[in-house]
Amino acid sequence: MRCWHPSGGVTILIPIVHMFTRWLSFADYDLPAWAGWIGIAIFAIALWLLWRSHADLGQNWRMTTELREKHTLMTGGIFQHIRHPMYSAHWLWESPRYC
């Protein structure tokens, strides 16, 4: 199974180019200080949500999507409030980038 995509290399290189050259300086802009704190808060919530969903899944958590013999439908913990807490956590994790 191939897990690498050619665009992945570009997305790694862009921050490095930005740090060591002035080539991307046209895209610089200033944000108010409070925006960074909001981003940190959203990121902390995302980490907590990801941790909570893994903790609530317990033995049901797997890297693959196959159904195992002892799997059960999760209706307690964070799953009683959010249908897909891991997806929500990853969405939140990325959202401060776009604010």
N, C-alpha and C. Protein backbone atom coordinates (compact mmCIF):
# COMPACT_ATOMS: atom_id res chain seq x y z
N MET A 1 0.85 -1.18 0.00
CA MET A 1 0.00 0.00 0.00
C MET A 1 0.89 1.24 0.00
N ARG A 2 0.60 2.18 -0.86
CA ARG A 2 1.38 3.41 -0.99
C ARG A 2 0.76 4.50 -0.12
N CYS A 3 1.54 5.03 0.80
CA CYS A 3 1.04 6.05 1.72
C CYS A 3 1.64 7.42 1.43
N TRP A 4 2.48 7.54 0.43
CA TRP A 4 3.15 8.80 0.15
C TRP A 4 2.54 9.43 -1.10
N HIS A 5 2.38 10.72 -1.07
CA HIS A 5 1.86 11.44 -2.22
C HIS A 5 2.85 12.53 -2.58
N PRO A 6 3.10 12.78 -3.87
CA PRO A 6 4.09 13.78 -4.26
C PRO A 6 3.85 15.17 -3.65
N SER A 7 2.61 15.56 -3.45
CA SER A 7 2.36 16.89 -2.89
C SER A 7 2.79 16.98 -1.43
N GLY A 8 2.95 15.84 -0.75
CA GLY A 8 3.40 15.84 0.64
C GLY A 8 4.77 16.48 0.78
N GLY A 9 5.64 16.26 -0.17
CA GLY A 9 6.97 16.86 -0.12
C GLY A 9 6.91 18.37 -0.25
N VAL A 10 6.00 18.87 -1.06
CA VAL A 10 5.85 20.31 -1.24
C VAL A 10 5.35 20.96 0.04
N THR A 11 4.40 20.33 0.70
CA THR A 11 3.86 20.93 1.91
C THR A 11 4.88 20.94 3.04
N ILE A 12 5.85 20.05 3.01
CA ILE A 12 6.92 20.07 3.99
C ILE A 12 7.94 21.16 3.64
N LEU A 13 8.17 21.36 2.38
CA LEU A 13 9.18 22.33 1.95
C LEU A 13 8.75 23.78 2.11
N ILE A 14 7.47 24.08 1.97
CA ILE A 14 7.00 25.46 2.02
C ILE A 14 7.35 26.15 3.34
N PRO A 15 7.10 25.54 4.52
CA PRO A 15 7.51 26.21 5.76
C PRO A 15 9.02 26.40 5.86
N ILE A 16 9.78 25.45 5.35
CA ILE A 16 11.24 25.58 5.39
C ILE A 16 11.70 26.73 4.51
N VAL A 17 11.12 26.85 3.32
CA VAL A 17 11.46 27.97 2.43
C VAL A 17 11.07 29.28 3.10
N HIS A 18 9.93 29.33 3.75
CA HIS A 18 9.48 30.55 4.42
C HIS A 18 10.41 30.94 5.56
N MET A 19 10.92 29.96 6.31
CA MET A 19 11.79 30.25 7.46
C MET A 19 13.15 30.79 7.03
N PHE A 20 13.70 30.28 5.93
CA PHE A 20 15.08 30.59 5.59
C PHE A 20 15.26 31.53 4.40
N THR A 21 14.17 31.94 3.78
CA THR A 21 14.28 32.89 2.65
C THR A 21 13.22 33.97 2.79
N ARG A 22 13.31 35.00 2.00
CA ARG A 22 12.30 36.06 1.95
C ARG A 22 11.36 35.85 0.76
N TRP A 23 11.47 34.70 0.10
CA TRP A 23 10.73 34.43 -1.11
C TRP A 23 9.22 34.48 -0.90
N LEU A 24 8.72 34.10 0.28
CA LEU A 24 7.29 34.10 0.54
C LEU A 24 6.85 35.26 1.42
N SER A 25 7.67 36.29 1.53
CA SER A 25 7.35 37.41 2.41
C SER A 25 6.10 38.18 1.96
N PHE A 26 5.72 38.07 0.70
CA PHE A 26 4.52 38.74 0.23
C PHE A 26 3.26 38.22 0.93
N ALA A 27 3.34 37.02 1.51
CA ALA A 27 2.18 36.42 2.16
C ALA A 27 2.15 36.68 3.67
N ASP A 28 3.11 37.43 4.20
CA ASP A 28 3.13 37.73 5.63
C ASP A 28 2.03 38.72 5.99
N TYR A 29 1.43 38.54 7.13
CA TYR A 29 0.45 39.49 7.67
C TYR A 29 0.43 39.34 9.18
N ASP A 30 0.00 40.38 9.85
CA ASP A 30 -0.04 40.39 11.31
C ASP A 30 -1.44 40.04 11.80
N LEU A 31 -1.48 39.26 12.85
CA LEU A 31 -2.74 38.92 13.51
C LEU A 31 -2.73 39.53 14.90
N PRO A 32 -3.89 39.84 15.43
CA PRO A 32 -3.93 40.31 16.82
C PRO A 32 -3.49 39.19 17.76
N ALA A 33 -2.97 39.57 18.92
CA ALA A 33 -2.45 38.59 19.88
C ALA A 33 -3.53 37.60 20.32
N TRP A 34 -4.77 38.07 20.45
CA TRP A 34 -5.83 37.19 20.91
C TRP A 34 -6.09 36.04 19.95
N ALA A 35 -5.79 36.22 18.66
CA ALA A 35 -6.04 35.16 17.68
C ALA A 35 -5.18 33.94 17.97
N GLY A 36 -3.95 34.16 18.39
CA GLY A 36 -3.08 33.05 18.76
C GLY A 36 -3.59 32.28 19.95
N TRP A 37 -4.12 33.00 20.93
CA TRP A 37 -4.66 32.35 22.12
C TRP A 37 -5.91 31.54 21.80
N ILE A 38 -6.72 32.04 20.89
CA ILE A 38 -7.90 31.28 20.47
C ILE A 38 -7.46 30.00 19.75
N GLY A 39 -6.44 30.12 18.92
CA GLY A 39 -5.91 28.94 18.24
C GLY A 39 -5.37 27.91 19.21
N ILE A 40 -4.68 28.36 20.26
CA ILE A 40 -4.16 27.44 21.27
C ILE A 40 -5.31 26.75 22.00
N ALA A 41 -6.36 27.50 22.32
CA ALA A 41 -7.52 26.92 23.01
C ALA A 41 -8.21 25.87 22.13
N ILE A 42 -8.39 26.17 20.86
CA ILE A 42 -9.02 25.20 19.95
C ILE A 42 -8.16 23.95 19.82
N PHE A 43 -6.85 24.15 19.72
CA PHE A 43 -5.93 23.02 19.62
C PHE A 43 -5.99 22.14 20.87
N ALA A 44 -6.06 22.78 22.05
CA ALA A 44 -6.15 22.02 23.31
C ALA A 44 -7.44 21.22 23.37
N ILE A 45 -8.54 21.80 22.92
CA ILE A 45 -9.82 21.09 22.89
C ILE A 45 -9.72 19.89 21.94
N ALA A 46 -9.08 20.09 20.79
CA ALA A 46 -8.92 19.00 19.83
C ALA A 46 -8.10 17.86 20.42
N LEU A 47 -7.01 18.18 21.12
CA LEU A 47 -6.21 17.13 21.74
C LEU A 47 -7.00 16.37 22.80
N TRP A 48 -7.75 17.11 23.61
CA TRP A 48 -8.56 16.46 24.63
C TRP A 48 -9.61 15.55 23.99
N LEU A 49 -10.26 16.03 22.93
CA LEU A 49 -11.30 15.26 22.26
C LEU A 49 -10.72 13.98 21.64
N LEU A 50 -9.54 14.08 21.04
CA LEU A 50 -8.90 12.90 20.47
C LEU A 50 -8.53 11.90 21.56
N TRP A 51 -7.96 12.40 22.66
CA TRP A 51 -7.61 11.53 23.79
C TRP A 51 -8.87 10.86 24.37
N ARG A 52 -9.91 11.66 24.58
CA ARG A 52 -11.14 11.14 25.18
C ARG A 52 -11.77 10.06 24.30
N SER A 53 -11.78 10.27 23.00
CA SER A 53 -12.38 9.29 22.10
C SER A 53 -11.59 7.99 22.11
N HIS A 54 -10.25 8.07 22.14
CA HIS A 54 -9.45 6.85 22.22
C HIS A 54 -9.66 6.15 23.56
N ALA A 55 -9.74 6.92 24.64
CA ALA A 55 -9.94 6.32 25.96
C ALA A 55 -11.30 5.64 26.05
N ASP A 56 -12.33 6.26 25.49
CA ASP A 56 -13.66 5.68 25.54
C ASP A 56 -13.79 4.44 24.65
N LEU A 57 -13.05 4.41 23.56
CA LEU A 57 -13.09 3.23 22.68
C LEU A 57 -12.46 2.02 23.35
N GLY A 58 -11.42 2.23 24.12
CA GLY A 58 -10.76 1.13 24.81
C GLY A 58 -10.29 0.05 23.85
N GLN A 59 -10.76 -1.18 24.07
CA GLN A 59 -10.35 -2.32 23.24
C GLN A 59 -10.99 -2.31 21.85
N ASN A 60 -11.95 -1.45 21.60
CA ASN A 60 -12.59 -1.37 20.28
C ASN A 60 -11.75 -0.59 19.28
N TRP A 61 -10.72 0.12 19.72
CA TRP A 61 -9.93 0.93 18.81
C TRP A 61 -8.99 0.06 18.01
N ARG A 62 -8.98 0.22 16.69
CA ARG A 62 -8.10 -0.50 15.78
C ARG A 62 -7.63 0.45 14.68
N MET A 63 -6.47 0.15 14.12
CA MET A 63 -5.97 0.92 12.98
C MET A 63 -6.74 0.59 11.70
N THR A 64 -7.27 -0.60 11.61
CA THR A 64 -8.00 -1.02 10.42
C THR A 64 -9.50 -0.81 10.63
N THR A 65 -10.25 -0.89 9.56
CA THR A 65 -11.70 -0.67 9.65
C THR A 65 -12.49 -1.97 9.66
N GLU A 66 -11.80 -3.07 9.86
CA GLU A 66 -12.52 -4.35 9.86
C GLU A 66 -13.26 -4.57 11.17
N LEU A 67 -14.36 -5.28 11.08
CA LEU A 67 -15.17 -5.59 12.25
C LEU A 67 -14.61 -6.83 12.93
N ARG A 68 -14.34 -6.73 14.20
CA ARG A 68 -13.81 -7.86 14.97
C ARG A 68 -14.93 -8.52 15.76
N GLU A 69 -14.65 -9.71 16.28
CA GLU A 69 -15.67 -10.49 16.96
C GLU A 69 -16.22 -9.81 18.21
N LYS A 70 -15.39 -9.16 18.99
CA LYS A 70 -15.84 -8.58 20.25
C LYS A 70 -16.10 -7.07 20.17
N HIS A 71 -16.18 -6.53 18.96
CA HIS A 71 -16.48 -5.10 18.82
C HIS A 71 -17.91 -4.81 19.25
N THR A 72 -18.10 -3.66 19.86
CA THR A 72 -19.43 -3.23 20.26
C THR A 72 -19.66 -1.81 19.78
N LEU A 73 -20.91 -1.44 19.62
CA LEU A 73 -21.26 -0.09 19.23
C LEU A 73 -21.08 0.83 20.44
N MET A 74 -20.34 1.90 20.27
CA MET A 74 -20.06 2.83 21.36
C MET A 74 -21.21 3.84 21.47
N THR A 75 -21.86 3.85 22.61
CA THR A 75 -22.94 4.81 22.84
C THR A 75 -22.73 5.60 24.12
N GLY A 76 -21.64 5.33 24.83
CA GLY A 76 -21.36 6.04 26.08
C GLY A 76 -20.16 6.96 25.93
N GLY A 77 -19.82 7.63 27.02
CA GLY A 77 -18.68 8.53 27.01
C GLY A 77 -18.89 9.69 26.04
N ILE A 78 -17.86 10.06 25.36
CA ILE A 78 -17.93 11.18 24.41
C ILE A 78 -18.82 10.84 23.23
N PHE A 79 -18.98 9.54 22.96
CA PHE A 79 -19.79 9.09 21.82
C PHE A 79 -21.28 9.36 22.02
N GLN A 80 -21.72 9.58 23.25
CA GLN A 80 -23.13 9.91 23.45
C GLN A 80 -23.42 11.36 23.11
N HIS A 81 -22.36 12.18 22.96
CA HIS A 81 -22.54 13.60 22.63
C HIS A 81 -22.12 13.93 21.20
N ILE A 82 -21.11 13.23 20.70
CA ILE A 82 -20.57 13.49 19.36
C ILE A 82 -20.51 12.16 18.63
N ARG A 83 -21.07 12.11 17.44
CA ARG A 83 -21.14 10.85 16.71
C ARG A 83 -19.76 10.36 16.27
N HIS A 84 -18.91 11.25 15.77
CA HIS A 84 -17.57 10.89 15.30
C HIS A 84 -16.54 11.80 15.97
N PRO A 85 -16.21 11.55 17.24
CA PRO A 85 -15.32 12.47 17.94
C PRO A 85 -13.90 12.52 17.39
N MET A 86 -13.40 11.42 16.82
CA MET A 86 -12.04 11.47 16.25
C MET A 86 -12.00 12.37 15.03
N TYR A 87 -13.00 12.26 14.16
CA TYR A 87 -13.05 13.14 13.00
C TYR A 87 -13.22 14.59 13.44
N SER A 88 -14.04 14.80 14.45
CA SER A 88 -14.24 16.16 14.96
C SER A 88 -12.93 16.71 15.53
N ALA A 89 -12.18 15.87 16.23
CA ALA A 89 -10.90 16.30 16.79
C ALA A 89 -9.92 16.69 15.69
N HIS A 90 -9.85 15.89 14.64
CA HIS A 90 -8.94 16.22 13.54
C HIS A 90 -9.38 17.48 12.81
N TRP A 91 -10.69 17.67 12.67
CA TRP A 91 -11.19 18.90 12.05
C TRP A 91 -10.81 20.11 12.90
N LEU A 92 -11.02 20.01 14.21
CA LEU A 92 -10.65 21.10 15.11
C LEU A 92 -9.15 21.35 15.08
N TRP A 93 -8.37 20.29 15.03
CA TRP A 93 -6.92 20.37 15.01
C TRP A 93 -6.45 21.24 13.84
N GLU A 94 -7.09 21.09 12.71
CA GLU A 94 -6.72 21.85 11.51
C GLU A 94 -7.33 23.24 11.45
N SER A 95 -8.45 23.47 12.13
CA SER A 95 -9.18 24.72 11.96
C SER A 95 -8.41 25.99 12.36
N PRO A 96 -7.54 25.98 13.37
CA PRO A 96 -6.85 27.25 13.68
C PRO A 96 -5.96 27.75 12.53
N ARG A 97 -5.56 26.86 11.65
CA ARG A 97 -4.75 27.29 10.50
C ARG A 97 -5.50 28.25 9.59
N TYR A 98 -6.82 28.12 9.58
CA TYR A 98 -7.62 28.87 8.61
C TYR A 98 -8.34 30.06 9.21
N CYS A 99 -8.06 30.37 10.46
CA CYS A 99 -8.72 31.52 11.10
C CYS A 99 -7.96 32.80 10.82
